[in-house]
Every structure is written in C-alpha cells, then in structure tokens.
C-alpha cells in the first residue's frame, strides 16, 4: 500500500506470481487529514531504515519505524503514511539510525513531508 498519486489515500499494487500486475486506486471521500513523511540521509543507509518517526496530534502520538519488508515476498518502500482525522497541524520528530531524537517540529497536514538528516 502506498499513496501513488499523493492525494492522501492509500492505493494498492498487487503482484501475484504468473499474473498481471494489478493497481487499485483509492477513491474514498471524506477520509480526514493525513501526513506522509519521507526520510532520507546522506550516509550509506539513504532511506534511513531503522529510524523512528513520531507524529503528535495533541491527543495521541503515532510512532512508526522505517523498515524494509513487511510480509512473505512483500514489502513497502516509500513515505510513511499517518491518518490524522480532524487535526490541521501536528508535531513531528525523528530518531535517526544510531542518533538521538530530532527536535519537535510543527507542520501542516495533507502533504508529503520530506525530512533529511
């Protein structure tokens, strides 16, 4: 699952052995606000695998680890997607691999946010 057209809705690409690729676009309306966060660093681990991202909406904190893989013969590579409901701004911080947490940063929702170490 990944937001292929940056509209905030997670789409789906399905690859089955000996079958054509299937791409399913999500057309749901009124799903609430969202934020996708794409992390990068200049070191060998350019996609910052092992980083932790926290998104604080004022009522709760969502935490996500940047990983590669995710299931049998499957995986996810791309921005981390956070569903946020009705909030319009959130605070974000990153714990980069082998480093401390970054400072909290307030950002607007409904965007793809690129963060570089």
PDB file of N, CA and C in Angstrom:
ATOM      1  N   UNK A   1       0.848  -1.175   0.000  1.00  0.00           N
ATOM      2  CA  UNK A   1       0.000   0.000   0.000  1.00  0.00           C
ATOM      3  C   UNK A   1       0.886   1.227   0.000  1.00  0.00           C
ATOM      4  N   UNK A   2       0.534   2.164  -0.844  1.00  0.00           N
ATOM      5  CA  UNK A   2       1.265   3.417  -0.946  1.00  0.00           C
ATOM      6  C   UNK A   2       0.366   4.434  -1.629  1.00  0.00           C
ATOM      7  N   UNK A   3       0.553   5.678  -1.306  1.00  0.00           N
ATOM      8  CA  UNK A   3      -0.221   6.754  -1.929  1.00  0.00           C
ATOM      9  C   UNK A   3       0.441   7.095  -3.268  1.00  0.00           C
ATOM     10  N   UNK A   4       0.018   6.451  -4.328  1.00  0.00           N
ATOM     11  CA  UNK A   4       0.678   6.586  -5.631  1.00  0.00           C
ATOM     12  C   UNK A   4       0.511   7.960  -6.267  1.00  0.00           C
ATOM     13  N   UNK A   5      -0.565   8.665  -5.968  1.00  0.00           N
ATOM     14  CA  UNK A   5      -0.814   9.965  -6.607  1.00  0.00           C
ATOM     15  C   UNK A   5      -0.827  11.126  -5.612  1.00  0.00           C
ATOM     16  N   UNK A   6      -0.309  10.932  -4.420  1.00  0.00           N
ATOM     17  CA  UNK A   6      -0.155  11.979  -3.402  1.00  0.00           C
ATOM     18  C   UNK A   6      -1.449  12.723  -3.086  1.00  0.00           C
ATOM     19  N   UNK A   7      -2.561  11.972  -3.026  1.00  0.00           N
ATOM     20  CA  UNK A   7      -3.839  12.586  -2.673  1.00  0.00           C
ATOM     21  C   UNK A   7      -4.255  12.278  -1.235  1.00  0.00           C
ATOM     22  N   UNK A   8      -3.383  11.582  -0.500  1.00  0.00           N
ATOM     23  CA  UNK A   8      -3.671  11.252   0.893  1.00  0.00           C
ATOM     24  C   UNK A   8      -4.415   9.951   1.084  1.00  0.00           C
ATOM     25  N   UNK A   9      -4.752   9.274   0.000  1.00  0.00           N
ATOM     26  CA  UNK A   9      -5.462   7.999   0.074  1.00  0.00           C
ATOM     27  C   UNK A   9      -4.506   6.880  -0.318  1.00  0.00           C
ATOM     28  N   UNK A  10      -4.415   5.841   0.505  1.00  0.00           N
ATOM     29  CA  UNK A  10      -3.519   4.740   0.208  1.00  0.00           C
ATOM     30  C   UNK A  10      -4.071   3.884  -0.915  1.00  0.00           C
ATOM     31  N   UNK A  11      -3.270   3.705  -1.953  1.00  0.00           N
ATOM     32  CA  UNK A  11      -3.609   2.863  -3.094  1.00  0.00           C
ATOM     33  C   UNK A  11      -2.927   1.507  -2.898  1.00  0.00           C
ATOM     34  N   UNK A  12      -3.204   0.570  -3.788  1.00  0.00           N
ATOM     35  CA  UNK A  12      -2.692  -0.781  -3.614  1.00  0.00           C
ATOM     36  C   UNK A  12      -2.143  -1.306  -4.932  1.00  0.00           C
ATOM     37  N   UNK A  13      -0.936  -1.843  -4.888  1.00  0.00           N
ATOM     38  CA  UNK A  13      -0.351  -2.551  -6.029  1.00  0.00           C
ATOM     39  C   UNK A  13      -0.239  -4.019  -5.637  1.00  0.00           C
ATOM     40  N   UNK A  14      -0.751  -4.894  -6.487  1.00  0.00           N
ATOM     41  CA  UNK A  14      -0.764  -6.323  -6.202  1.00  0.00           C
ATOM     42  C   UNK A  14       0.019  -7.042  -7.297  1.00  0.00           C
ATOM     43  N   UNK A  15       1.006  -7.822  -6.872  1.00  0.00           N
ATOM     44  CA  UNK A  15       1.793  -8.615  -7.809  1.00  0.00           C
ATOM     45  C   UNK A  15       1.691 -10.066  -7.364  1.00  0.00           C
ATOM     46  N   UNK A  16       1.050 -10.882  -8.180  1.00  0.00           N
ATOM     47  CA  UNK A  16       0.950 -12.306  -7.914  1.00  0.00           C
ATOM     48  C   UNK A  16       1.758 -13.059  -8.963  1.00  0.00           C
ATOM     49  N   UNK A  17       2.326 -14.149  -8.553  1.00  0.00           N
ATOM     50  CA  UNK A  17       3.132 -14.951  -9.467  1.00  0.00           C
ATOM     51  C   UNK A  17       2.300 -15.432 -10.651  1.00  0.00           C
ATOM     52  N   UNK A  18       2.861 -15.306 -11.826  1.00  0.00           N
ATOM     53  CA  UNK A  18       2.231 -15.733 -13.084  1.00  0.00           C
ATOM     54  C   UNK A  18       0.891 -15.037 -13.337  1.00  0.00           C
ATOM     55  N   UNK A  19       0.786 -13.772 -12.913  1.00  0.00           N
ATOM     56  CA  UNK A  19      -0.438 -12.995 -13.133  1.00  0.00           C
ATOM     57  C   UNK A  19      -0.041 -11.546 -13.412  1.00  0.00           C
ATOM     58  N   UNK A  20      -0.889 -10.826 -14.129  1.00  0.00           N
ATOM     59  CA  UNK A  20      -0.566  -9.422 -14.401  1.00  0.00           C
ATOM     60  C   UNK A  20      -0.589  -8.573 -13.124  1.00  0.00           C
ATOM     61  N   UNK A  21       0.196  -7.512 -13.145  1.00  0.00           N
ATOM     62  CA  UNK A  21       0.193  -6.538 -12.063  1.00  0.00           C
ATOM     63  C   UNK A  21      -1.187  -5.903 -11.968  1.00  0.00           C
ATOM     64  N   UNK A  22      -1.672  -5.707 -10.746  1.00  0.00           N
ATOM     65  CA  UNK A  22      -2.935  -5.008 -10.521  1.00  0.00           C
ATOM     66  C   UNK A  22      -2.655  -3.764  -9.691  1.00  0.00           C
ATOM     67  N   UNK A  23      -3.224  -2.633 -10.093  1.00  0.00           N
ATOM     68  CA  UNK A  23      -3.124  -1.394  -9.332  1.00  0.00           C
ATOM     69  C   UNK A  23      -4.537  -0.933  -9.015  1.00  0.00           C
ATOM     70  N   UNK A  24      -4.809  -0.755  -7.730  1.00  0.00           N
ATOM     71  CA  UNK A  24      -6.122  -0.341  -7.259  1.00  0.00           C
ATOM     72  C   UNK A  24      -6.007   1.063  -6.690  1.00  0.00           C
ATOM     73  N   UNK A  25      -6.710   2.013  -7.307  1.00  0.00           N
ATOM     74  CA  UNK A  25      -6.690   3.394  -6.825  1.00  0.00           C
ATOM     75  C   UNK A  25      -7.822   3.605  -5.829  1.00  0.00           C
ATOM     76  N   UNK A  26      -7.498   4.255  -4.723  1.00  0.00           N
ATOM     77  CA  UNK A  26      -8.451   4.534  -3.659  1.00  0.00           C
ATOM     78  C   UNK A  26      -9.192   5.833  -3.990  1.00  0.00           C
ATOM     79  N   UNK A  27     -10.529   5.771  -4.065  1.00  0.00           N
ATOM     80  CA  UNK A  27     -11.356   6.935  -4.381  1.00  0.00           C
ATOM     81  C   UNK A  27     -12.252   7.365  -3.231  1.00  0.00           C
ATOM     82  N   UNK A  28     -12.023   6.883  -2.013  1.00  0.00           N
ATOM     83  CA  UNK A  28     -12.874   7.239  -0.882  1.00  0.00           C
ATOM     84  C   UNK A  28     -12.870   8.740  -0.634  1.00  0.00           C
ATOM     85  N   UNK A  29     -14.002   9.249  -0.240  1.00  0.00           N
ATOM     86  CA  UNK A  29     -14.119  10.684   0.067  1.00  0.00           C
ATOM     87  C   UNK A  29     -14.223  10.874   1.579  1.00  0.00           C
ATOM     88  N   UNK A  30     -13.919  12.086   2.032  1.00  0.00           N
ATOM     89  CA  UNK A  30     -14.089  12.454   3.441  1.00  0.00           C
ATOM     90  C   UNK A  30     -13.389  11.493   4.396  1.00  0.00           C
ATOM     91  N   UNK A  31     -12.125  11.244   4.147  1.00  0.00           N
ATOM     92  CA  UNK A  31     -11.383  10.311   4.999  1.00  0.00           C
ATOM     93  C   UNK A  31     -10.596  11.010   6.101  1.00  0.00           C
ATOM     94  N   UNK A  32     -10.618  12.324   6.143  1.00  0.00           N
ATOM     95  CA  UNK A  32      -9.880  13.047   7.174  1.00  0.00           C
ATOM     96  C   UNK A  32      -8.517  13.486   6.674  1.00  0.00           C
ATOM     97  N   UNK A  33      -7.796  14.160   7.549  1.00  0.00           N
ATOM     98  CA  UNK A  33      -6.479  14.676   7.191  1.00  0.00           C
ATOM     99  C   UNK A  33      -5.430  13.581   7.287  1.00  0.00           C
ATOM    100  N   UNK A  34      -4.285  13.840   6.686  1.00  0.00           N
ATOM    101  CA  UNK A  34      -3.221  12.852   6.599  1.00  0.00           C
ATOM    102  C   UNK A  34      -1.872  13.562   6.505  1.00  0.00           C
ATOM    103  N   UNK A  35      -0.822  12.787   6.708  1.00  0.00           N
ATOM    104  CA  UNK A  35       0.538  13.278   6.519  1.00  0.00           C
ATOM    105  C   UNK A  35       1.391  12.093   6.087  1.00  0.00           C
ATOM    106  N   UNK A  36       2.150  12.261   5.021  1.00  0.00           N
ATOM    107  CA  UNK A  36       3.129  11.258   4.603  1.00  0.00           C
ATOM    108  C   UNK A  36       4.508  11.836   4.843  1.00  0.00           C
ATOM    109  N   UNK A  37       5.377  11.044   5.457  1.00  0.00           N
ATOM    110  CA  UNK A  37       6.717  11.513   5.792  1.00  0.00           C
ATOM    111  C   UNK A  37       7.740  10.613   5.111  1.00  0.00           C
ATOM    112  N   UNK A  38       8.598  11.241   4.311  1.00  0.00           N
ATOM    113  CA  UNK A  38       9.656  10.542   3.588  1.00  0.00           C
ATOM    114  C   UNK A  38      10.985  10.986   4.186  1.00  0.00           C
ATOM    115  N   UNK A  39      11.730  10.058   4.771  1.00  0.00           N
ATOM    116  CA  UNK A  39      13.000  10.397   5.419  1.00  0.00           C
ATOM    117  C   UNK A  39      14.170   9.937   4.559  1.00  0.00           C
ATOM    118  N   UNK A  40      15.227  10.726   4.565  1.00  0.00           N
ATOM    119  CA  UNK A  40      16.442  10.425   3.811  1.00  0.00           C
ATOM    120  C   UNK A  40      17.655  10.862   4.616  1.00  0.00           C
ATOM    121  N   UNK A  41      18.776  10.216   4.336  1.00  0.00           N
ATOM    122  CA  UNK A  41      20.048  10.658   4.899  1.00  0.00           C
ATOM    123  C   UNK A  41      21.138  10.423   3.871  1.00  0.00           C
ATOM    124  N   UNK A  42      22.253  11.121   4.015  1.00  0.00           N
ATOM    125  CA  UNK A  42      23.331  11.073   3.040  1.00  0.00           C
ATOM    126  C   UNK A  42      24.239   9.868   3.203  1.00  0.00           C
ATOM    127  N   UNK A  43      24.146   9.181   4.295  1.00  0.00           N
ATOM    128  CA  UNK A  43      25.034   8.055   4.557  1.00  0.00           C
ATOM    129  C   UNK A  43      24.641   6.852   3.703  1.00  0.00           C
ATOM    130  N   UNK A  44      25.287   5.735   3.918  1.00  0.00           N
ATOM    131  CA  UNK A  44      25.027   4.531   3.128  1.00  0.00           C
ATOM    132  C   UNK A  44      23.557   4.102   3.192  1.00  0.00           C
ATOM    133  N   UNK A  45      22.940   4.267   4.312  1.00  0.00           N
ATOM    134  CA  UNK A  45      21.536   3.905   4.522  1.00  0.00           C
ATOM    135  C   UNK A  45      20.663   5.102   4.120  1.00  0.00           C
ATOM    136  N   UNK A  46      20.544   5.362   2.824  1.00  0.00           N
ATOM    137  CA  UNK A  46      19.905   6.595   2.351  1.00  0.00           C
ATOM    138  C   UNK A  46      18.433   6.693   2.700  1.00  0.00           C
ATOM    139  N   UNK A  47      17.743   5.567   2.871  1.00  0.00           N
ATOM    140  CA  UNK A  47      16.317   5.598   3.213  1.00  0.00           C
ATOM    141  C   UNK A  47      16.079   5.588   4.717  1.00  0.00           C
ATOM    142  N   UNK A  48      17.146   5.716   5.496  1.00  0.00           N
ATOM    143  CA  UNK A  48      17.073   5.810   6.957  1.00  0.00           C
ATOM    144  C   UNK A  48      16.327   4.627   7.584  1.00  0.00           C
ATOM    145  N   UNK A  49      16.558   3.429   7.066  1.00  0.00           N
ATOM    146  CA  UNK A  49      15.954   2.231   7.646  1.00  0.00           C
ATOM    147  C   UNK A  49      16.421   2.118   9.088  1.00  0.00           C
ATOM    148  N   UNK A  50      15.481   1.925   9.992  1.00  0.00           N
ATOM    149  CA  UNK A  50      15.767   1.880  11.421  1.00  0.00           C
ATOM    150  C   UNK A  50      15.397   3.163  12.147  1.00  0.00           C
ATOM    151  N   UNK A  51      15.088   4.211  11.387  1.00  0.00           N
ATOM    152  CA  UNK A  51      14.640   5.459  12.015  1.00  0.00           C
ATOM    153  C   UNK A  51      13.250   5.257  12.609  1.00  0.00           C
ATOM    154  N   UNK A  52      12.936   6.037  13.623  1.00  0.00           N
ATOM    155  CA  UNK A  52      11.591   6.074  14.203  1.00  0.00           C
ATOM    156  C   UNK A  52      11.007   7.448  13.949  1.00  0.00           C
ATOM    157  N   UNK A  53       9.756   7.501  13.537  1.00  0.00           N
ATOM    158  CA  UNK A  53       9.040   8.757  13.313  1.00  0.00           C
ATOM    159  C   UNK A  53       7.904   8.829  14.318  1.00  0.00           C
ATOM    160  N   UNK A  54       7.755   9.978  14.972  1.00  0.00           N
ATOM    161  CA  UNK A  54       6.625  10.203  15.864  1.00  0.00           C
ATOM    162  C   UNK A  54       5.836  11.409  15.378  1.00  0.00           C
ATOM    163  N   UNK A  55       4.511  11.246  15.366  1.00  0.00           N
ATOM    164  CA  UNK A  55       3.590  12.315  14.974  1.00  0.00           C
ATOM    165  C   UNK A  55       2.631  12.530  16.138  1.00  0.00           C
ATOM    166  N   UNK A  56       2.652  13.737  16.695  1.00  0.00           N
ATOM    167  CA  UNK A  56       1.841  14.102  17.858  1.00  0.00           C
ATOM    168  C   UNK A  56       0.724  15.028  17.409  1.00  0.00           C
ATOM    169  N   UNK A  57      -0.532  14.573  17.537  1.00  0.00           N
ATOM    170  CA  UNK A  57      -1.677  15.389  17.116  1.00  0.00           C
ATOM    171  C   UNK A  57      -2.310  16.154  18.278  1.00  0.00           C
ATOM    172  N   UNK A  58      -1.675  16.123  19.440  1.00  0.00           N
ATOM    173  CA  UNK A  58      -2.189  16.826  20.607  1.00  0.00           C
ATOM    174  C   UNK A  58      -3.003  15.928  21.517  1.00  0.00           C
ATOM    175  N   UNK A  59      -3.537  14.833  20.986  1.00  0.00           N
ATOM    176  CA  UNK A  59      -4.302  13.887  21.792  1.00  0.00           C
ATOM    177  C   UNK A  59      -3.578  12.555  21.932  1.00  0.00           C
ATOM    178  N   UNK A  60      -2.787  12.208  20.928  1.00  0.00           N
ATOM    179  CA  UNK A  60      -2.041  10.953  20.956  1.00  0.00           C
ATOM    180  C   UNK A  60      -0.809  11.078  20.064  1.00  0.00           C
ATOM    181  N   UNK A  61       0.109  10.141  20.237  1.00  0.00           N
ATOM    182  CA  UNK A  61       1.322  10.108  19.423  1.00  0.00           C
ATOM    183  C   UNK A  61       1.336   8.799  18.639  1.00  0.00           C
ATOM    184  N   UNK A  62       1.449   8.913  17.314  1.00  0.00           N
ATOM    185  CA  UNK A  62       1.634   7.740  16.472  1.00  0.00           C
ATOM    186  C   UNK A  62       3.130   7.568  16.245  1.00  0.00           C
ATOM    187  N   UNK A  63       3.624   6.348  16.395  1.00  0.00           N
ATOM    188  CA  UNK A  63       5.046   6.063  16.185  1.00  0.00           C
ATOM    189  C   UNK A  63       5.177   4.986  15.120  1.00  0.00           C
ATOM    190  N   UNK A  64       6.172   5.145  14.274  1.00  0.00           N
ATOM    191  CA  UNK A  64       6.387   4.188  13.203  1.00  0.00           C
ATOM    192  C   UNK A  64       7.874   4.023  12.959  1.00  0.00           C
ATOM    193  N   UNK A  65       8.327   2.785  12.826  1.00  0.00           N
ATOM    194  CA  UNK A  65       9.719   2.507  12.470  1.00  0.00           C
ATOM    195  C   UNK A  65       9.834   2.349  10.963  1.00  0.00           C
ATOM    196  N   UNK A  66      10.859   2.938  10.386  1.00  0.00           N
ATOM    197  CA  UNK A  66      11.118   2.782   8.956  1.00  0.00           C
ATOM    198  C   UNK A  66      11.780   1.425   8.763  1.00  0.00           C
ATOM    199  N   UNK A  67      11.136   0.547   8.006  1.00  0.00           N
ATOM    200  CA  UNK A  67      11.638  -0.800   7.771  1.00  0.00           C
ATOM    201  C   UNK A  67      11.613  -1.106   6.275  1.00  0.00           C
ATOM    202  N   UNK A  68      12.210  -2.208   5.931  1.00  0.00           N
ATOM    203  CA  UNK A  68      12.106  -2.752   4.578  1.00  0.00           C
ATOM    204  C   UNK A  68      11.538  -4.143   4.742  1.00  0.00           C
ATOM    205  N   UNK A  69      10.561  -4.472   3.950  1.00  0.00           N
ATOM    206  CA  UNK A  69       9.922  -5.773   4.072  1.00  0.00           C
ATOM    207  C   UNK A  69       8.521  -5.596   4.586  1.00  0.00           C
ATOM    208  N   UNK A  70       7.968  -6.619   5.173  1.00  0.00           N
ATOM    209  CA  UNK A  70       6.643  -6.490   5.733  1.00  0.00           C
ATOM    210  C   UNK A  70       5.805  -7.727   5.617  1.00  0.00           C
ATOM    211  N   UNK A  71       6.257  -8.727   4.930  1.00  0.00           N
ATOM    212  CA  UNK A  71       5.477  -9.935   4.827  1.00  0.00           C
ATOM    213  C   UNK A  71       6.137 -10.900   3.878  1.00  0.00           C
ATOM    214  N   UNK A  72       5.551 -12.059   3.709  1.00  0.00           N
ATOM    215  CA  UNK A  72       6.104 -13.067   2.819  1.00  0.00           C
ATOM    216  C   UNK A  72       6.143 -12.525   1.398  1.00  0.00           C
ATOM    217  N   UNK A  73       7.334 -12.414   0.843  1.00  0.00           N
ATOM    218  CA  UNK A  73       7.538 -11.952  -0.532  1.00  0.00           C
ATOM    219  C   UNK A  73       6.917 -10.584  -0.774  1.00  0.00           C
ATOM    220  N   UNK A  74       6.808  -9.777   0.260  1.00  0.00           N
ATOM    221  CA  UNK A  74       6.213  -8.457   0.097  1.00  0.00           C
ATOM    222  C   UNK A  74       7.018  -7.419   0.841  1.00  0.00           C
ATOM    223  N   UNK A  75       6.673  -6.191   0.611  1.00  0.00           N
ATOM    224  CA  UNK A  75       7.372  -5.142   1.315  1.00  0.00           C
ATOM    225  C   UNK A  75       6.820  -3.783   0.963  1.00  0.00           C
ATOM    226  N   UNK A  76       7.333  -2.792   1.643  1.00  0.00           N
ATOM    227  CA  UNK A  76       6.907  -1.413   1.432  1.00  0.00           C
ATOM    228  C   UNK A  76       8.157  -0.555   1.359  1.00  0.00           C
ATOM    229  N   UNK A  77       8.220   0.287   0.348  1.00  0.00           N
ATOM    230  CA  UNK A  77       9.288   1.279   0.260  1.00  0.00           C
ATOM    231  C   UNK A  77       8.617   2.577  -0.152  1.00  0.00           C
ATOM    232  N   UNK A  78       8.764   3.579   0.643  1.00  0.00           N
ATOM    233  CA  UNK A  78       8.132   4.854   0.325  1.00  0.00           C
ATOM    234  C   UNK A  78       7.816   5.607   1.591  1.00  0.00           C
ATOM    235  N   UNK A  79       7.139   6.725   1.460  1.00  0.00           N
ATOM    236  CA  UNK A  79       6.814   7.547   2.630  1.00  0.00           C
ATOM    237  C   UNK A  79       5.962   6.792   3.648  1.00  0.00           C
ATOM    238  N   UNK A  80       6.123   7.157   4.910  1.00  0.00           N
ATOM    239  CA  UNK A  80       5.298   6.624   5.991  1.00  0.00           C
ATOM    240  C   UNK A  80       4.017   7.449   6.057  1.00  0.00           C
ATOM    241  N   UNK A  81       2.867   6.788   6.005  1.00  0.00           N
ATOM    242  CA  UNK A  81       1.570   7.463   5.939  1.00  0.00           C
ATOM    243  C   UNK A  81       0.906   7.459   7.317  1.00  0.00           C
ATOM    244  N   UNK A  82       0.404   8.619   7.739  1.00  0.00           N
ATOM    245  CA  UNK A  82      -0.276   8.753   9.024  1.00  0.00           C
ATOM    246  C   UNK A  82      -1.666   9.336   8.787  1.00  0.00           C
ATOM    247  N   UNK A  83      -2.707   8.641   9.227  1.00  0.00           N
ATOM    248  CA  UNK A  83      -4.060   9.167   9.213  1.00  0.00           C
ATOM    249  C   UNK A  83      -4.272  10.029  10.447  1.00  0.00           C
ATOM    250  N   UNK A  84      -4.866  11.228  10.259  1.00  0.00           N
ATOM    251  CA  UNK A  84      -4.897  12.198  11.358  1.00  0.00           C
ATOM    252  C   UNK A  84      -6.280  12.712  11.726  1.00  0.00           C
ATOM    253  N   UNK A  85      -7.322  12.299  11.056  1.00  0.00           N
ATOM    254  CA  UNK A  85      -8.654  12.751  11.438  1.00  0.00           C
ATOM    255  C   UNK A  85      -8.869  14.225  11.169  1.00  0.00           C
ATOM    256  N   UNK A  86      -9.315  14.962  12.191  1.00  0.00           N
ATOM    257  CA  UNK A  86      -9.709  16.363  12.028  1.00  0.00           C
ATOM    258  C   UNK A  86      -8.615  17.391  12.299  1.00  0.00           C
ATOM    259  N   UNK A  87      -7.445  16.973  12.787  1.00  0.00           N
ATOM    260  CA  UNK A  87      -6.417  17.956  13.149  1.00  0.00           C
ATOM    261  C   UNK A  87      -5.830  18.622  11.905  1.00  0.00           C
ATOM    262  N   UNK A  88      -5.380  19.863  12.065  1.00  0.00           N
ATOM    263  CA  UNK A  88      -4.833  20.605  10.921  1.00  0.00           C
ATOM    264  C   UNK A  88      -3.340  20.856  11.018  1.00  0.00           C
ATOM    265  N   UNK A  89      -2.769  20.702  12.200  1.00  0.00           N
ATOM    266  CA  UNK A  89      -1.317  20.753  12.373  1.00  0.00           C
ATOM    267  C   UNK A  89      -0.918  19.670  13.360  1.00  0.00           C
ATOM    268  N   UNK A  90       0.310  19.199  13.233  1.00  0.00           N
ATOM    269  CA  UNK A  90       0.853  18.188  14.138  1.00  0.00           C
ATOM    270  C   UNK A  90       2.303  18.535  14.433  1.00  0.00           C
ATOM    271  N   UNK A  91       2.838  17.874  15.455  1.00  0.00           N
ATOM    272  CA  UNK A  91       4.263  17.977  15.731  1.00  0.00           C
ATOM    273  C   UNK A  91       4.919  16.677  15.288  1.00  0.00           C
ATOM    274  N   UNK A  92       6.114  16.793  14.692  1.00  0.00           N
ATOM    275  CA  UNK A  92       6.827  15.637  14.150  1.00  0.00           C
ATOM    276  C   UNK A  92       8.253  15.640  14.676  1.00  0.00           C
ATOM    277  N   UNK A  93       8.777  14.441  14.976  1.00  0.00           N
ATOM    278  CA  UNK A  93      10.195  14.307  15.274  1.00  0.00           C
ATOM    279  C   UNK A  93      10.674  12.950  14.768  1.00  0.00           C
ATOM    280  N   UNK A  94      11.990  12.840  14.571  1.00  0.00           N
ATOM    281  CA  UNK A  94      12.593  11.622  14.039  1.00  0.00           C
ATOM    282  C   UNK A  94      13.755  11.197  14.918  1.00  0.00           C
ATOM    283  N   UNK A  95      13.823   9.917  15.195  1.00  0.00           N
ATOM    284  CA  UNK A  95      15.030   9.355  15.817  1.00  0.00           C
ATOM    285  C   UNK A  95      15.775   8.659  14.694  1.00  0.00           C
ATOM    286  N   UNK A  96      16.812   9.310  14.211  1.00  0.00           N
ATOM    287  CA  UNK A  96      17.588   8.792  13.090  1.00  0.00           C
ATOM    288  C   UNK A  96      18.384   7.577  13.529  1.00  0.00           C
ATOM    289  N   UNK A  97      18.717   6.675  12.591  1.00  0.00           N
ATOM    290  CA  UNK A  97      19.513   5.499  12.972  1.00  0.00           C
ATOM    291  C   UNK A  97      20.809   5.905  13.663  1.00  0.00           C
ATOM    292  N   UNK A  98      21.091   5.274  14.787  1.00  0.00           N
ATOM    293  CA  UNK A  98      22.314   5.488  15.563  1.00  0.00           C
ATOM    294  C   UNK A  98      22.463   6.948  16.001  1.00  0.00           C
ATOM    295  N   UNK A  99      21.364   7.609  16.303  1.00  0.00           N
ATOM    296  CA  UNK A  99      21.408   9.014  16.725  1.00  0.00           C
ATOM    297  C   UNK A  99      20.279   9.281  17.717  1.00  0.00           C
ATOM    298  N   UNK A 100      20.261  10.481  18.247  1.00  0.00           N
ATOM    299  CA  UNK A 100      19.219  10.902  19.173  1.00  0.00           C
ATOM    300  C   UNK A 100      18.009  11.416  18.408  1.00  0.00           C
ATOM    301  N   UNK A 101      16.956  11.729  19.153  1.00  0.00           N
ATOM    302  CA  UNK A 101      15.744  12.308  18.575  1.00  0.00           C
ATOM    303  C   UNK A 101      16.029  13.719  18.070  1.00  0.00           C
ATOM    304  N   UNK A 102      15.418  14.079  16.957  1.00  0.00           N
ATOM    305  CA  UNK A 102      15.450  15.468  16.489  1.00  0.00           C
ATOM    306  C   UNK A 102      14.529  16.293  17.377  1.00  0.00           C
ATOM    307  N   UNK A 103      14.558  17.592  17.228  1.00  0.00           N
ATOM    308  CA  UNK A 103      13.623  18.455  17.935  1.00  0.00           C
ATOM    309  C   UNK A 103      12.233  18.292  17.330  1.00  0.00           C
ATOM    310  N   UNK A 104      11.195  18.544  18.123  1.00  0.00           N
ATOM    311  CA  UNK A 104       9.833  18.555  17.602  1.00  0.00           C
ATOM    312  C   UNK A 104       9.699  19.692  16.598  1.00  0.00           C
ATOM    313  N   UNK A 105       8.943  19.469  15.553  1.00  0.00           N
ATOM    314  CA  UNK A 105       8.714  20.466  14.508  1.00  0.00           C
ATOM    315  C   UNK A 105       7.225  20.478  14.172  1.00  0.00           C
ATOM    316  N   UNK A 106       6.602  21.651  14.219  1.00  0.00           N
ATOM    317  CA  UNK A 106       5.180  21.754  13.895  1.00  0.00           C
ATOM    318  C   UNK A 106       5.011  21.881  12.385  1.00  0.00           C
ATOM    319  N   UNK A 107       4.101  21.075  11.826  1.00  0.00           N
ATOM    320  CA  UNK A 107       3.887  21.080  10.382  1.00  0.00           C
ATOM    321  C   UNK A 107       2.388  21.027  10.076  1.00  0.00           C
ATOM    322  N   UNK A 108       2.036  21.509   8.896  1.00  0.00           N
ATOM    323  CA  UNK A 108       0.662  21.408   8.409  1.00  0.00           C
ATOM    324  C   UNK A 108       0.423  19.981   7.902  1.00  0.00           C
ATOM    325  N   UNK A 109      -0.833  19.576   7.879  1.00  0.00           N
ATOM    326  CA  UNK A 109      -1.196  18.234   7.416  1.00  0.00           C
ATOM    327  C   UNK A 109      -1.518  18.271   5.918  1.00  0.00           C
ATOM    328  N   UNK A 110      -1.933  17.133   5.375  1.00  0.00           N
ATOM    329  CA  UNK A 110      -2.305  16.979   3.959  1.00  0.00           C
ATOM    330  C   UNK A 110      -1.151  17.310   3.030  1.00  0.00           C
ATOM    331  N   UNK A 111       0.003  16.721   3.314  1.00  0.00           N
ATOM    332  CA  UNK A 111       1.171  16.940   2.465  1.00  0.00           C
ATOM    333  C   UNK A 111       2.125  15.749   2.591  1.00  0.00           C
ATOM    334  N   UNK A 112       3.037  15.651   1.625  1.00  0.00           N
ATOM    335  CA  UNK A 112       4.169  14.747   1.724  1.00  0.00           C
ATOM    336  C   UNK A 112       5.338  15.568   2.243  1.00  0.00           C
ATOM    337  N   UNK A 113       5.824  15.223   3.408  1.00  0.00           N
ATOM    338  CA  UNK A 113       6.889  15.965   4.068  1.00  0.00           C
ATOM    339  C   UNK A 113       8.198  15.202   3.874  1.00  0.00           C
ATOM    340  N   UNK A 114       9.179  15.846   3.249  1.00  0.00           N
ATOM    341  CA  UNK A 114      10.500  15.248   3.057  1.00  0.00           C
ATOM    342  C   UNK A 114      11.433  15.752   4.143  1.00  0.00           C
ATOM    343  N   UNK A 115      11.971  14.827   4.924  1.00  0.00           N
ATOM    344  CA  UNK A 115      12.897  15.186   6.005  1.00  0.00           C
ATOM    345  C   UNK A 115      14.255  14.549   5.713  1.00  0.00           C
ATOM    346  N   UNK A 116      15.303  15.373   5.800  1.00  0.00           N
ATOM    347  CA  UNK A 116      16.650  14.902   5.561  1.00  0.00           C
ATOM    348  C   UNK A 116      17.473  15.099   6.816  1.00  0.00           C
ATOM    349  N   UNK A 117      18.236  14.072   7.164  1.00  0.00           N
ATOM    350  CA  UNK A 117      19.085  14.126   8.351  1.00  0.00           C
ATOM    351  C   UNK A 117      20.189  15.132   8.152  1.00  0.00           C
TER     352      UNK A 117
END
